[in-house]
Amino acid sequence: MTSESEIAKLADALGDLRHRIKALKDEEAELRKAILDARPNGPVAGGAFSLNIRFQTRRRFDATLLPDHIRADPRYWKETETRIVSTKPAPSEPPHEKVEEFDVFEPY
């Protein structure tokens, strides 16, 4: 069985990893934008990697165009249950007020 302190360490590790992944995704988006701004299509060769920029068309089903009575019919829906693990930074402790320390002497 995993102890609470071990689970807390796992939670911190997962939160840290997700934070780093987000930073990498942000960096990727900036690089992608810079490449697309510089070259709208075609191949690009770097020293270690090459890439190809092209257009792609996809078809997708738009259920919003179906009549309401069909979209509301439960026979056309499939329900699934998923376990979700979400992370958020722990609240930081508020700054402690500076308290003057003193000794108390009580007479006996």
Protein backbone atom coordinates (compact mmCIF):
# COMPACT_ATOMS: atom_id res chain seq x y z
CA MET A 1 0.00 0.00 0.00
CA THR A 2 1.25 3.46 -0.86
CA SER A 3 1.56 5.93 2.00
CA GLU A 4 0.07 9.41 1.92
CA SER A 5 3.51 11.01 1.73
CA GLU A 6 4.40 8.80 -1.26
CA ILE A 7 1.13 9.73 -2.98
CA ALA A 8 1.88 13.41 -2.27
CA LYS A 9 5.29 13.02 -3.92
CA LEU A 10 3.64 11.37 -6.92
CA ALA A 11 1.12 14.23 -7.14
CA ASP A 12 3.95 16.78 -7.06
CA ALA A 13 5.87 14.85 -9.72
CA LEU A 14 2.82 14.65 -11.99
CA GLY A 15 2.01 18.34 -11.51
CA ASP A 16 5.61 19.30 -12.26
CA LEU A 17 5.68 17.10 -15.37
CA ARG A 18 2.44 18.59 -16.68
CA HIS A 19 3.82 22.08 -16.07
CA ARG A 20 6.94 21.25 -18.10
CA ILE A 21 4.84 19.66 -20.87
CA LYS A 22 2.73 22.84 -21.08
CA ALA A 23 5.89 24.94 -21.36
CA LEU A 24 7.16 22.66 -24.15
CA LYS A 25 3.81 22.85 -25.98
CA ASP A 26 3.91 26.66 -25.73
CA GLU A 27 7.44 26.65 -27.12
CA GLU A 28 6.37 24.27 -29.90
CA ALA A 29 3.50 26.59 -30.86
CA GLU A 30 5.87 29.57 -31.08
CA LEU A 31 8.34 27.63 -33.25
CA ARG A 32 5.53 26.35 -35.48
CA LYS A 33 4.16 29.86 -35.95
CA ALA A 34 7.63 31.21 -36.79
CA ILE A 35 8.15 28.45 -39.38
CA LEU A 36 4.72 28.97 -40.96
CA ASP A 37 5.24 32.74 -41.06
CA ALA A 38 8.56 32.21 -42.85
CA ARG A 39 7.45 29.43 -45.23
CA PRO A 40 3.77 28.76 -46.01
CA ASN A 41 4.41 25.34 -47.62
CA GLY A 42 7.07 22.96 -48.86
CA PRO A 43 10.04 21.18 -47.30
CA VAL A 44 12.43 22.65 -44.77
CA ALA A 45 15.76 20.96 -43.99
CA GLY A 46 17.57 21.61 -40.75
CA GLY A 47 20.84 20.14 -39.54
CA ALA A 48 19.19 17.38 -37.49
CA PHE A 49 15.57 17.36 -38.67
CA SER A 50 13.59 18.05 -41.80
CA LEU A 51 9.95 18.92 -42.06
CA ASN A 52 7.33 19.28 -44.72
CA ILE A 53 4.58 21.88 -44.67
CA ARG A 54 1.42 21.00 -46.56
CA PHE A 55 -2.32 21.49 -46.53
CA GLN A 56 -4.72 18.73 -45.56
CA THR A 57 -8.50 18.50 -45.85
CA ARG A 58 -10.63 16.47 -43.45
CA ARG A 59 -14.26 15.54 -43.46
CA ARG A 60 -16.13 15.60 -40.21
CA PHE A 61 -19.69 14.81 -39.29
CA ASP A 62 -21.64 17.82 -38.01
CA ALA A 63 -24.30 16.46 -35.66
CA THR A 64 -25.66 19.97 -35.03
CA LEU A 65 -27.31 19.83 -38.47
CA LEU A 66 -29.49 16.87 -37.45
CA PRO A 67 -33.05 17.54 -36.31
CA ASP A 68 -33.44 18.10 -32.56
CA HIS A 69 -35.59 14.99 -32.07
CA ILE A 70 -32.79 12.78 -33.41
CA ARG A 71 -30.06 14.49 -31.35
CA ALA A 72 -32.23 14.14 -28.22
CA ASP A 73 -32.94 10.44 -28.79
CA PRO A 74 -30.86 8.39 -26.29
CA ARG A 75 -30.64 5.49 -28.76
CA TYR A 76 -28.06 7.48 -30.73
CA TRP A 77 -25.82 8.24 -27.76
CA LYS A 78 -23.21 6.10 -26.10
CA GLU A 79 -22.17 6.99 -22.57
CA THR A 80 -18.70 6.23 -21.28
CA GLU A 81 -17.07 6.81 -17.91
CA THR A 82 -13.50 8.04 -17.64
CA ARG A 83 -11.23 8.59 -14.66
CA ILE A 84 -9.81 12.09 -14.74
CA VAL A 85 -6.60 13.15 -12.98
CA SER A 86 -6.33 16.92 -12.85
CA THR A 87 -3.52 18.93 -11.34
CA LYS A 88 -3.27 22.46 -10.03
CA PRO A 89 -0.59 24.23 -8.03
CA ALA A 90 -1.00 24.01 -4.28
CA PRO A 91 -1.99 27.32 -2.74
CA SER A 92 1.06 29.17 -1.61
CA GLU A 93 1.22 30.02 2.05
CA PRO A 94 0.45 33.65 2.82
CA PRO A 95 3.44 35.58 4.06
CA HIS A 96 3.70 35.35 7.81
CA GLU A 97 3.39 38.60 9.69
CA LYS A 98 6.54 39.52 11.48
CA VAL A 99 5.83 38.84 15.11
CA GLU A 100 8.11 40.23 17.73
CA GLU A 101 9.35 37.46 19.98
CA PHE A 102 9.41 37.98 23.73
CA ASP A 103 9.73 35.98 26.92
CA VAL A 104 6.98 35.80 29.51
CA PHE A 105 8.02 35.57 33.15
CA GLU A 106 5.33 34.60 35.57
CA PRO A 107 5.81 34.92 39.29
CA TYR A 108 5.22 31.75 41.33
